[in-house]
Amino acid sequence: GGHDRKSAALAGVTWEHYLEAMMIWNEVMAANAASHLAGHPGDAVLVVAGNGHVMYGAGIPFGLARRVPGLAQATVYTEGAGSCPENLPGSLSGMADFVWMVPHSGE
């Protein structure tokens, strides 16, 4: 049935393949943003992507900085929270330029 096909499809998936795919995805998004900026001097670009694409300035911000040296960038990392804590938890330190505490259903 369907479970057998899913198991067979996942058999070739490895952590290395996942990381390679993520790296390629990040590089393509960075290249597209850089291409727009090159063709439209003075424009600002907003890239909306998941946390994994911006954490610690890696991923898209890293690829964009390599392509457009000196570019001013800001990253936002979202974290689920019922309310904004008084102090940022240490585990979130360095995740991004800004951490946005977002209420999720059930919290």
PDB file of N, CA and C in Angstrom:
ATOM      1  N   GLY A   1       0.802  -1.176   0.000  1.00  0.00           N
ATOM      2  CA  GLY A   1       0.000   0.000   0.000  1.00  0.00           C
ATOM      3  C   GLY A   1       0.858   1.258   0.000  1.00  0.00           C
ATOM      4  N   GLY A   2       0.238   2.341   0.413  1.00  0.00           N
ATOM      5  CA  GLY A   2       0.883   3.648   0.445  1.00  0.00           C
ATOM      6  C   GLY A   2       2.049   3.701   1.406  1.00  0.00           C
ATOM      7  N   HIS A   3       1.962   2.968   2.517  1.00  0.00           N
ATOM      8  CA  HIS A   3       3.047   2.976   3.504  1.00  0.00           C
ATOM      9  C   HIS A   3       4.327   2.394   2.912  1.00  0.00           C
ATOM     10  N   ASP A   4       4.201   1.347   2.101  1.00  0.00           N
ATOM     11  CA  ASP A   4       5.375   0.732   1.472  1.00  0.00           C
ATOM     12  C   ASP A   4       6.065   1.702   0.525  1.00  0.00           C
ATOM     13  N   ARG A   5       5.265   2.454  -0.252  1.00  0.00           N
ATOM     14  CA  ARG A   5       5.847   3.445  -1.179  1.00  0.00           C
ATOM     15  C   ARG A   5       6.555   4.544  -0.411  1.00  0.00           C
ATOM     16  N   LYS A   6       5.951   4.998   0.673  1.00  0.00           N
ATOM     17  CA  LYS A   6       6.565   6.054   1.490  1.00  0.00           C
ATOM     18  C   LYS A   6       7.867   5.555   2.097  1.00  0.00           C
ATOM     19  N   SER A   7       7.876   4.352   2.615  1.00  0.00           N
ATOM     20  CA  SER A   7       9.097   3.785   3.200  1.00  0.00           C
ATOM     21  C   SER A   7      10.185   3.661   2.157  1.00  0.00           C
ATOM     22  N   ALA A   8       9.820   3.226   0.950  1.00  0.00           N
ATOM     23  CA  ALA A   8      10.807   3.077  -0.127  1.00  0.00           C
ATOM     24  C   ALA A   8      11.355   4.437  -0.535  1.00  0.00           C
ATOM     25  N   ALA A   9      10.492   5.451  -0.580  1.00  0.00           N
ATOM     26  CA  ALA A   9      10.936   6.793  -0.977  1.00  0.00           C
ATOM     27  C   ALA A   9      11.876   7.378   0.068  1.00  0.00           C
ATOM     28  N   LEU A  10      11.611   7.116   1.342  1.00  0.00           N
ATOM     29  CA  LEU A  10      12.432   7.672   2.412  1.00  0.00           C
ATOM     30  C   LEU A  10      13.729   6.897   2.628  1.00  0.00           C
ATOM     31  N   ALA A  11      13.826   5.703   2.070  1.00  0.00           N
ATOM     32  CA  ALA A  11      15.009   4.865   2.290  1.00  0.00           C
ATOM     33  C   ALA A  11      16.288   5.562   1.828  1.00  0.00           C
ATOM     34  N   GLY A  12      16.225   6.357   0.765  1.00  0.00           N
ATOM     35  CA  GLY A  12      17.413   7.022   0.249  1.00  0.00           C
ATOM     36  C   GLY A  12      17.676   8.384   0.852  1.00  0.00           C
ATOM     37  N   VAL A  13      16.790   8.845   1.721  1.00  0.00           N
ATOM     38  CA  VAL A  13      16.945  10.169   2.337  1.00  0.00           C
ATOM     39  C   VAL A  13      17.926  10.067   3.500  1.00  0.00           C
ATOM     40  N   THR A  14      18.928  10.929   3.465  1.00  0.00           N
ATOM     41  CA  THR A  14      19.911  10.945   4.545  1.00  0.00           C
ATOM     42  C   THR A  14      20.020  12.366   5.081  1.00  0.00           C
ATOM     43  N   TRP A  15      20.621  12.495   6.233  1.00  0.00           N
ATOM     44  CA  TRP A  15      20.851  13.813   6.822  1.00  0.00           C
ATOM     45  C   TRP A  15      21.702  14.657   5.886  1.00  0.00           C
ATOM     46  N   GLU A  16      22.686  14.048   5.245  1.00  0.00           N
ATOM     47  CA  GLU A  16      23.558  14.785   4.320  1.00  0.00           C
ATOM     48  C   GLU A  16      22.757  15.328   3.135  1.00  0.00           C
ATOM     49  N   HIS A  17      21.834  14.514   2.594  1.00  0.00           N
ATOM     50  CA  HIS A  17      20.995  14.981   1.486  1.00  0.00           C
ATOM     51  C   HIS A  17      20.131  16.157   1.923  1.00  0.00           C
ATOM     52  N   TYR A  18      19.582  16.064   3.124  1.00  0.00           N
ATOM     53  CA  TYR A  18      18.753  17.139   3.650  1.00  0.00           C
ATOM     54  C   TYR A  18      19.568  18.434   3.761  1.00  0.00           C
ATOM     55  N   LEU A  19      20.772  18.343   4.316  1.00  0.00           N
ATOM     56  CA  LEU A  19      21.615  19.532   4.469  1.00  0.00           C
ATOM     57  C   LEU A  19      22.013  20.114   3.120  1.00  0.00           C
ATOM     58  N   GLU A  20      22.319  19.256   2.159  1.00  0.00           N
ATOM     59  CA  GLU A  20      22.669  19.738   0.817  1.00  0.00           C
ATOM     60  C   GLU A  20      21.485  20.465   0.182  1.00  0.00           C
ATOM     61  N   ALA A  21      20.289  19.898   0.319  1.00  0.00           N
ATOM     62  CA  ALA A  21      19.097  20.532  -0.243  1.00  0.00           C
ATOM     63  C   ALA A  21      18.846  21.884   0.414  1.00  0.00           C
ATOM     64  N   MET A  22      19.004  21.955   1.742  1.00  0.00           N
ATOM     65  CA  MET A  22      18.803  23.216   2.465  1.00  0.00           C
ATOM     66  C   MET A  22      19.820  24.257   2.006  1.00  0.00           C
ATOM     67  N   MET A  23      21.072  23.842   1.834  1.00  0.00           N
ATOM     68  CA  MET A  23      22.121  24.769   1.391  1.00  0.00           C
ATOM     69  C   MET A  23      21.796  25.312  -0.004  1.00  0.00           C
ATOM     70  N   ILE A  24      21.373  24.444  -0.901  1.00  0.00           N
ATOM     71  CA  ILE A  24      21.037  24.882  -2.262  1.00  0.00           C
ATOM     72  C   ILE A  24      19.856  25.844  -2.219  1.00  0.00           C
ATOM     73  N   TRP A  25      18.848  25.532  -1.439  1.00  0.00           N
ATOM     74  CA  TRP A  25      17.667  26.380  -1.315  1.00  0.00           C
ATOM     75  C   TRP A  25      18.075  27.756  -0.791  1.00  0.00           C
ATOM     76  N   ASN A  26      18.905  27.790   0.249  1.00  0.00           N
ATOM     77  CA  ASN A  26      19.373  29.066   0.796  1.00  0.00           C
ATOM     78  C   ASN A  26      20.152  29.865  -0.234  1.00  0.00           C
ATOM     79  N   GLU A  27      21.031  29.190  -0.962  1.00  0.00           N
ATOM     80  CA  GLU A  27      21.852  29.883  -1.958  1.00  0.00           C
ATOM     81  C   GLU A  27      21.002  30.445  -3.092  1.00  0.00           C
ATOM     82  N   VAL A  28      19.988  29.723  -3.517  1.00  0.00           N
ATOM     83  CA  VAL A  28      19.107  30.218  -4.579  1.00  0.00           C
ATOM     84  C   VAL A  28      18.325  31.437  -4.097  1.00  0.00           C
ATOM     85  N   MET A  29      17.812  31.381  -2.858  1.00  0.00           N
ATOM     86  CA  MET A  29      17.072  32.544  -2.330  1.00  0.00           C
ATOM     87  C   MET A  29      17.999  33.753  -2.203  1.00  0.00           C
ATOM     88  N   ALA A  30      19.223  33.540  -1.735  1.00  0.00           N
ATOM     89  CA  ALA A  30      20.185  34.634  -1.610  1.00  0.00           C
ATOM     90  C   ALA A  30      20.537  35.198  -2.988  1.00  0.00           C
ATOM     91  N   ALA A  31      20.742  34.318  -3.955  1.00  0.00           N
ATOM     92  CA  ALA A  31      21.088  34.755  -5.313  1.00  0.00           C
ATOM     93  C   ALA A  31      19.953  35.567  -5.928  1.00  0.00           C
ATOM     94  N   ASN A  32      18.717  35.152  -5.710  1.00  0.00           N
ATOM     95  CA  ASN A  32      17.571  35.896  -6.249  1.00  0.00           C
ATOM     96  C   ASN A  32      17.457  37.281  -5.618  1.00  0.00           C
ATOM     97  N   ALA A  33      17.662  37.375  -4.318  1.00  0.00           N
ATOM     98  CA  ALA A  33      17.611  38.681  -3.652  1.00  0.00           C
ATOM     99  C   ALA A  33      18.743  39.572  -4.154  1.00  0.00           C
ATOM    100  N   ALA A  34      19.944  39.012  -4.273  1.00  0.00           N
ATOM    101  CA  ALA A  34      21.096  39.783  -4.758  1.00  0.00           C
ATOM    102  C   ALA A  34      20.872  40.254  -6.190  1.00  0.00           C
ATOM    103  N   SER A  35      20.283  39.408  -7.005  1.00  0.00           N
ATOM    104  CA  SER A  35      20.000  39.763  -8.394  1.00  0.00           C
ATOM    105  C   SER A  35      19.027  40.938  -8.464  1.00  0.00           C
ATOM    106  N   HIS A  36      18.008  40.916  -7.621  1.00  0.00           N
ATOM    107  CA  HIS A  36      17.057  42.036  -7.602  1.00  0.00           C
ATOM    108  C   HIS A  36      17.756  43.323  -7.181  1.00  0.00           C
ATOM    109  N   LEU A  37      18.558  43.225  -6.136  1.00  0.00           N
ATOM    110  CA  LEU A  37      19.257  44.421  -5.647  1.00  0.00           C
ATOM    111  C   LEU A  37      20.212  44.978  -6.695  1.00  0.00           C
ATOM    112  N   ALA A  38      20.877  44.109  -7.437  1.00  0.00           N
ATOM    113  CA  ALA A  38      21.801  44.561  -8.483  1.00  0.00           C
ATOM    114  C   ALA A  38      21.060  45.302  -9.593  1.00  0.00           C
ATOM    115  N   GLY A  39      19.860  44.854  -9.895  1.00  0.00           N
ATOM    116  CA  GLY A  39      19.073  45.474 -10.965  1.00  0.00           C
ATOM    117  C   GLY A  39      18.228  46.647 -10.524  1.00  0.00           C
ATOM    118  N   HIS A  40      18.136  46.859  -9.210  1.00  0.00           N
ATOM    119  CA  HIS A  40      17.294  47.926  -8.674  1.00  0.00           C
ATOM    120  C   HIS A  40      18.010  48.635  -7.528  1.00  0.00           C
ATOM    121  N   PRO A  41      19.052  49.397  -7.843  1.00  0.00           N
ATOM    122  CA  PRO A  41      19.798  50.102  -6.790  1.00  0.00           C
ATOM    123  C   PRO A  41      18.868  50.961  -5.932  1.00  0.00           C
ATOM    124  N   GLY A  42      19.090  50.918  -4.637  1.00  0.00           N
ATOM    125  CA  GLY A  42      18.292  51.708  -3.722  1.00  0.00           C
ATOM    126  C   GLY A  42      17.064  50.988  -3.195  1.00  0.00           C
ATOM    127  N   ASP A  43      16.713  49.862  -3.790  1.00  0.00           N
ATOM    128  CA  ASP A  43      15.557  49.103  -3.305  1.00  0.00           C
ATOM    129  C   ASP A  43      15.896  48.402  -1.995  1.00  0.00           C
ATOM    130  N   ALA A  44      14.858  48.096  -1.261  1.00  0.00           N
ATOM    131  CA  ALA A  44      14.963  47.217  -0.093  1.00  0.00           C
ATOM    132  C   ALA A  44      14.292  45.906  -0.477  1.00  0.00           C
ATOM    133  N   VAL A  45      14.729  44.819   0.118  1.00  0.00           N
ATOM    134  CA  VAL A  45      14.162  43.513  -0.170  1.00  0.00           C
ATOM    135  C   VAL A  45      13.763  42.858   1.144  1.00  0.00           C
ATOM    136  N   LEU A  46      12.575  42.289   1.167  1.00  0.00           N
ATOM    137  CA  LEU A  46      12.115  41.522   2.316  1.00  0.00           C
ATOM    138  C   LEU A  46      12.029  40.069   1.883  1.00  0.00           C
ATOM    139  N   VAL A  47      12.775  39.212   2.549  1.00  0.00           N
ATOM    140  CA  VAL A  47      12.730  37.781   2.274  1.00  0.00           C
ATOM    141  C   VAL A  47      12.005  37.139   3.447  1.00  0.00           C
ATOM    142  N   VAL A  48      10.928  36.450   3.166  1.00  0.00           N
ATOM    143  CA  VAL A  48      10.168  35.758   4.201  1.00  0.00           C
ATOM    144  C   VAL A  48      10.493  34.275   4.070  1.00  0.00           C
ATOM    145  N   ALA A  49      11.140  33.744   5.103  1.00  0.00           N
ATOM    146  CA  ALA A  49      11.552  32.336   5.094  1.00  0.00           C
ATOM    147  C   ALA A  49      11.482  31.809   6.516  1.00  0.00           C
ATOM    148  N   GLY A  50      11.536  30.535   6.657  1.00  0.00           N
ATOM    149  CA  GLY A  50      11.485  29.923   7.977  1.00  0.00           C
ATOM    150  C   GLY A  50      12.731  30.197   8.797  1.00  0.00           C
ATOM    151  N   ASN A  51      12.612  29.979  10.103  1.00  0.00           N
ATOM    152  CA  ASN A  51      13.708  30.232  11.038  1.00  0.00           C
ATOM    153  C   ASN A  51      15.009  29.545  10.629  1.00  0.00           C
ATOM    154  N   GLY A  52      14.913  28.323  10.139  1.00  0.00           N
ATOM    155  CA  GLY A  52      16.107  27.567   9.778  1.00  0.00           C
ATOM    156  C   GLY A  52      16.921  28.200   8.664  1.00  0.00           C
ATOM    157  N   HIS A  53      16.316  29.105   7.924  1.00  0.00           N
ATOM    158  CA  HIS A  53      17.011  29.763   6.819  1.00  0.00           C
ATOM    159  C   HIS A  53      17.741  31.026   7.250  1.00  0.00           C
ATOM    160  N   VAL A  54      17.555  31.461   8.519  1.00  0.00           N
ATOM    161  CA  VAL A  54      18.185  32.707   8.972  1.00  0.00           C
ATOM    162  C   VAL A  54      18.926  32.590  10.298  1.00  0.00           C
ATOM    163  N   MET A  55      18.776  31.467  10.999  1.00  0.00           N
ATOM    164  CA  MET A  55      19.368  31.323  12.333  1.00  0.00           C
ATOM    165  C   MET A  55      20.863  31.609  12.326  1.00  0.00           C
ATOM    166  N   TYR A  56      21.314  32.350  13.318  1.00  0.00           N
ATOM    167  CA  TYR A  56      22.716  32.675  13.537  1.00  0.00           C
ATOM    168  C   TYR A  56      23.361  33.384  12.341  1.00  0.00           C
ATOM    169  N   GLY A  57      22.564  34.017  11.493  1.00  0.00           N
ATOM    170  CA  GLY A  57      23.099  34.721  10.329  1.00  0.00           C
ATOM    171  C   GLY A  57      23.577  33.793   9.234  1.00  0.00           C
ATOM    172  N   ALA A  58      23.300  32.512   9.386  1.00  0.00           N
ATOM    173  CA  ALA A  58      23.692  31.532   8.366  1.00  0.00           C
ATOM    174  C   ALA A  58      22.630  31.524   7.263  1.00  0.00           C
ATOM    175  N   GLY A  59      22.709  30.586   6.378  1.00  0.00           N
ATOM    176  CA  GLY A  59      21.692  30.446   5.339  1.00  0.00           C
ATOM    177  C   GLY A  59      21.628  31.640   4.425  1.00  0.00           C
ATOM    178  N   ILE A  60      20.438  32.193   4.278  1.00  0.00           N
ATOM    179  CA  ILE A  60      20.205  33.292   3.336  1.00  0.00           C
ATOM    180  C   ILE A  60      21.040  34.523   3.669  1.00  0.00           C
ATOM    181  N   PRO A  61      21.083  34.992   4.923  1.00  0.00           N
ATOM    182  CA  PRO A  61      21.893  36.186   5.207  1.00  0.00           C
ATOM    183  C   PRO A  61      23.367  36.000   4.842  1.00  0.00           C
ATOM    184  N   PHE A  62      23.919  34.834   5.101  1.00  0.00           N
ATOM    185  CA  PHE A  62      25.317  34.557   4.780  1.00  0.00           C
ATOM    186  C   PHE A  62      25.537  34.599   3.267  1.00  0.00           C
ATOM    187  N   GLY A  63      24.645  33.946   2.522  1.00  0.00           N
ATOM    188  CA  GLY A  63      24.764  33.933   1.064  1.00  0.00           C
ATOM    189  C   GLY A  63      24.584  35.308   0.452  1.00  0.00           C
ATOM    190  N   LEU A  64      23.703  36.100   1.025  1.00  0.00           N
ATOM    191  CA  LEU A  64      23.467  37.453   0.515  1.00  0.00           C
ATOM    192  C   LEU A  64      24.653  38.366   0.821  1.00  0.00           C
ATOM    193  N   ALA A  65      25.228  38.232   2.009  1.00  0.00           N
ATOM    194  CA  ALA A  65      26.393  39.051   2.382  1.00  0.00           C
ATOM    195  C   ALA A  65      27.590  38.752   1.480  1.00  0.00           C
ATOM    196  N   ARG A  66      27.738  37.508   1.077  1.00  0.00           N
ATOM    197  CA  ARG A  66      28.836  37.153   0.164  1.00  0.00           C
ATOM    198  C   ARG A  66      28.634  37.789  -1.209  1.00  0.00           C
ATOM    199  N   ARG A  67      27.391  37.891  -1.624  1.00  0.00           N
ATOM    200  CA  ARG A  67      27.090  38.410  -2.961  1.00  0.00           C
ATOM    201  C   ARG A  67      27.020  39.932  -3.009  1.00  0.00           C
ATOM    202  N   VAL A  68      26.642  40.558  -1.890  1.00  0.00           N
ATOM    203  CA  VAL A  68      26.484  42.020  -1.833  1.00  0.00           C
ATOM    204  C   VAL A  68      27.239  42.516  -0.594  1.00  0.00           C
ATOM    205  N   PRO A  69      28.567  42.607  -0.682  1.00  0.00           N
ATOM    206  CA  PRO A  69      29.356  43.045   0.476  1.00  0.00           C
ATOM    207  C   PRO A  69      28.901  44.419   0.973  1.00  0.00           C
ATOM    208  N   GLY A  70      28.833  44.563   2.287  1.00  0.00           N
ATOM    209  CA  GLY A  70      28.447  45.834   2.887  1.00  0.00           C
ATOM    210  C   GLY A  70      26.950  46.061   2.965  1.00  0.00           C
ATOM    211  N   LEU A  71      26.156  45.108   2.504  1.00  0.00           N
ATOM    212  CA  LEU A  71      24.704  45.243   2.543  1.00  0.00           C
ATOM    213  C   LEU A  71      24.211  45.259   3.990  1.00  0.00           C
ATOM    214  N   ALA A  72      23.343  46.197   4.323  1.00  0.00           N
ATOM    215  CA  ALA A  72      22.726  46.226   5.654  1.00  0.00           C
ATOM    216  C   ALA A  72      21.594  45.199   5.669  1.00  0.00           C
ATOM    217  N   GLN A  73      21.653  44.304   6.634  1.00  0.00           N
ATOM    218  CA  GLN A  73      20.640  43.260   6.772  1.00  0.00           C
ATOM    219  C   GLN A  73      20.154  43.195   8.213  1.00  0.00           C
ATOM    220  N   ALA A  74      18.949  42.726   8.393  1.00  0.00           N
ATOM    221  CA  ALA A  74      18.423  42.427   9.725  1.00  0.00           C
ATOM    222  C   ALA A  74      17.644  41.124   9.624  1.00  0.00           C
ATOM    223  N   THR A  75      17.826  40.248  10.605  1.00  0.00           N
ATOM    224  CA  THR A  75      17.114  38.981  10.617  1.00  0.00           C
ATOM    225  C   THR A  75      16.160  38.938  11.807  1.00  0.00           C
ATOM    226  N   VAL A  76      15.047  38.236  11.608  1.00  0.00           N
ATOM    227  CA  VAL A  76      14.037  38.071  12.654  1.00  0.00           C
ATOM    228  C   VAL A  76      13.805  36.577  12.841  1.00  0.00           C
ATOM    229  N   TYR A  77      13.903  36.131  14.076  1.00  0.00           N
ATOM    230  CA  TYR A  77      13.640  34.744  14.446  1.00  0.00           C
ATOM    231  C   TYR A  77      12.354  34.731  15.247  1.00  0.00           C
ATOM    232  N   THR A  78      11.406  33.866  14.880  1.00  0.00           N
ATOM    233  CA  THR A  78      10.153  33.798  15.626  1.00  0.00           C
ATOM    234  C   THR A  78      10.199  32.652  16.623  1.00  0.00           C
ATOM    235  N   GLU A  79       9.624  32.890  17.773  1.00  0.00           N
ATOM    236  CA  GLU A  79       9.590  31.879  18.838  1.00  0.00           C
ATOM    237  C   GLU A  79       8.192  31.878  19.448  1.00  0.00           C
ATOM    238  N   GLY A  80       7.648  30.702  19.626  1.00  0.00           N
ATOM    239  CA  GLY A  80       6.329  30.594  20.221  1.00  0.00           C
ATOM    240  C   GLY A  80       6.343  31.006  21.684  1.00  0.00           C
ATOM    241  N   ALA A  81       5.365  31.786  22.084  1.00  0.00           N
ATOM    242  CA  ALA A  81       5.261  32.212  23.483  1.00  0.00           C
ATOM    243  C   ALA A  81       3.857  32.722  23.740  1.00  0.00           C
ATOM    244  N   GLY A  82       3.362  32.455  24.923  1.00  0.00           N
ATOM    245  CA  GLY A  82       2.063  32.981  25.320  1.00  0.00           C
ATOM    246  C   GLY A  82       2.128  34.473  25.561  1.00  0.00           C
ATOM    247  N   SER A  83       3.276  34.934  26.039  1.00  0.00           N
ATOM    248  CA  SER A  83       3.504  36.364  26.250  1.00  0.00           C
ATOM    249  C   SER A  83       5.008  36.615  26.169  1.00  0.00           C
ATOM    250  N   CYS A  84       5.373  37.845  25.985  1.00  0.00           N
ATOM    251  CA  CYS A  84       6.783  38.202  25.859  1.00  0.00           C
ATOM    252  C   CYS A  84       7.447  38.139  27.243  1.00  0.00           C
ATOM    253  N   PRO A  85       8.520  37.384  27.374  1.00  0.00           N
ATOM    254  CA  PRO A  85       9.202  37.325  28.679  1.00  0.00           C
ATOM    255  C   PRO A  85       9.948  38.630  28.953  1.00  0.00           C
ATOM    256  N   GLU A  86      10.186  38.900  30.238  1.00  0.00           N
ATOM    257  CA  GLU A  86      10.937  40.110  30.610  1.00  0.00           C
ATOM    258  C   GLU A  86      12.337  40.082  30.036  1.00  0.00           C
ATOM    259  N   ASN A  87      12.975  38.915  30.103  1.00  0.00           N
ATOM    260  CA  ASN A  87      14.332  38.744  29.587  1.00  0.00           C
ATOM    261  C   ASN A  87      14.346  37.624  28.559  1.00  0.00           C
ATOM    262  N   LEU A  88      15.093  37.830  27.512  1.00  0.00           N
ATOM    263  CA  LEU A  88      15.199  36.824  26.458  1.00  0.00           C
ATOM    264  C   LEU A  88      15.882  35.572  27.011  1.00  0.00           C
ATOM    265  N   PRO A  89      15.271  34.407  26.836  1.00  0.00           N
ATOM    266  CA  PRO A  89      15.928  33.184  27.299  1.00  0.00           C
ATOM    267  C   PRO A  89      17.298  33.014  26.645  1.00  0.00           C
ATOM    268  N   GLY A  90      18.285  32.579  27.422  1.00  0.00           N
ATOM    269  CA  GLY A  90      19.645  32.417  26.911  1.00  0.00           C
ATOM    270  C   GLY A  90      19.735  31.518  25.697  1.00  0.00           C
ATOM    271  N   SER A  91      18.838  30.542  25.583  1.00  0.00           N
ATOM    272  CA  SER A  91      18.873  29.620  24.444  1.00  0.00           C
ATOM    273  C   SER A  91      18.581  30.333  23.124  1.00  0.00           C
ATOM    274  N   LEU A  92      17.993  31.518  23.181  1.00  0.00           N
ATOM    275  CA  LEU A  92      17.669  32.270  21.963  1.00  0.00           C
ATOM    276  C   LEU A  92      18.718  33.326  21.636  1.00  0.00           C
ATOM    277  N   SER A  93      19.693  33.478  22.506  1.00  0.00           N
ATOM    278  CA  SER A  93      20.727  34.479  22.291  1.00  0.00           C
ATOM    279  C   SER A  93      21.498  34.193  21.008  1.00  0.00           C
ATOM    280  N   GLY A  94      21.612  35.185  20.166  1.00  0.00           N
ATOM    281  CA  GLY A  94      22.381  35.051  18.937  1.00  0.00           C
ATOM    282  C   GLY A  94      21.627  34.436  17.773  1.00  0.00           C
ATOM    283  N   MET A  95      20.372  34.041  17.979  1.00  0.00           N
ATOM    284  CA  MET A  95      19.605  33.411  16.902  1.00  0.00           C
ATOM    285  C   MET A  95      19.423  34.350  15.708  1.00  0.00           C
ATOM    286  N   ALA A  96      19.227  35.634  16.001  1.00  0.00           N
ATOM    287  CA  ALA A  96      18.971  36.604  14.944  1.00  0.00           C
ATOM    288  C   ALA A  96      19.152  37.996  15.528  1.00  0.00           C
ATOM    289  N   ASP A  97      19.016  39.004  14.670  1.00  0.00           N
ATOM    290  CA  ASP A  97      19.098  40.380  15.154  1.00  0.00           C
ATOM    291  C   ASP A  97      17.914  40.707  16.060  1.00  0.00           C
ATOM    292  N   PHE A  98      16.759  40.110  15.750  1.00  0.00           N
ATOM    293  CA  PHE A  98      15.549  40.318  16.543  1.00  0.00           C
ATOM    294  C   PHE A  98      14.889  38.973  16.782  1.00  0.00           C
ATOM    295  N   VAL A  99      14.316  38.797  17.956  1.00  0.00           N
ATOM    296  CA  VAL A  99      13.507  37.612  18.257  1.00  0.00           C
ATOM    297  C   VAL A  99      12.085  38.100  18.490  1.00  0.00           C
ATOM    298  N   TRP A 100      11.158  37.568  17.722  1.00  0.00           N
ATOM    299  CA  TRP A 100       9.763  37.967  17.802  1.00  0.00           C
ATOM    300  C   TRP A 100       9.006  36.853  18.517  1.00  0.00           C
ATOM    301  N   MET A 101       8.502  37.157  19.701  1.00  0.00           N
ATOM    302  CA  MET A 101       7.743  36.192  20.490  1.00  0.00           C
ATOM    303  C   MET A 101       6.306  36.170  19.958  1.00  0.00           C
ATOM    304  N   VAL A 102       5.895  35.043  19.405  1.00  0.00           N
ATOM    305  CA  VAL A 102       4.613  34.923  18.718  1.00  0.00           C
ATOM    306  C   VAL A 102       3.715  33.965  19.490  1.00  0.00           C
ATOM    307  N   PRO A 103       2.504  34.411  19.857  1.00  0.00           N
ATOM    308  CA  PRO A 103       1.586  33.481  20.527  1.00  0.00           C
ATOM    309  C   PRO A 103       1.087  32.425  19.533  1.00  0.00           C
ATOM    310  N   HIS A 104       1.140  31.179  19.975  1.00  0.00           N
ATOM    311  CA  HIS A 104       0.619  30.076  19.173  1.00  0.00           C
ATOM    312  C   HIS A 104      -0.640  29.548  19.830  1.00  0.00           C
ATOM    313  N   SER A 105      -1.504  28.963  19.082  1.00  0.00           N
ATOM    314  CA  SER A 105      -2.736  28.427  19.672  1.00  0.00           C
ATOM    315  C   SER A 105      -2.371  27.355  20.690  1.00  0.00           C
ATOM    316  N   GLY A 106      -3.108  27.327  21.773  1.00  0.00           N
ATOM    317  CA  GLY A 106      -2.850  26.339  22.801  1.00  0.00           C
ATOM    318  C   GLY A 106      -1.846  26.774  23.837  1.00  0.00           C
ATOM    319  N   GLU A 107      -1.222  27.927  23.680  1.00  0.00           N
ATOM    320  CA  GLU A 107      -0.238  28.391  24.667  1.00  0.00           C
ATOM    321  C   GLU A 107      -0.882  29.370  25.613  1.00  0.00           C
TER     322      GLU A 107
END
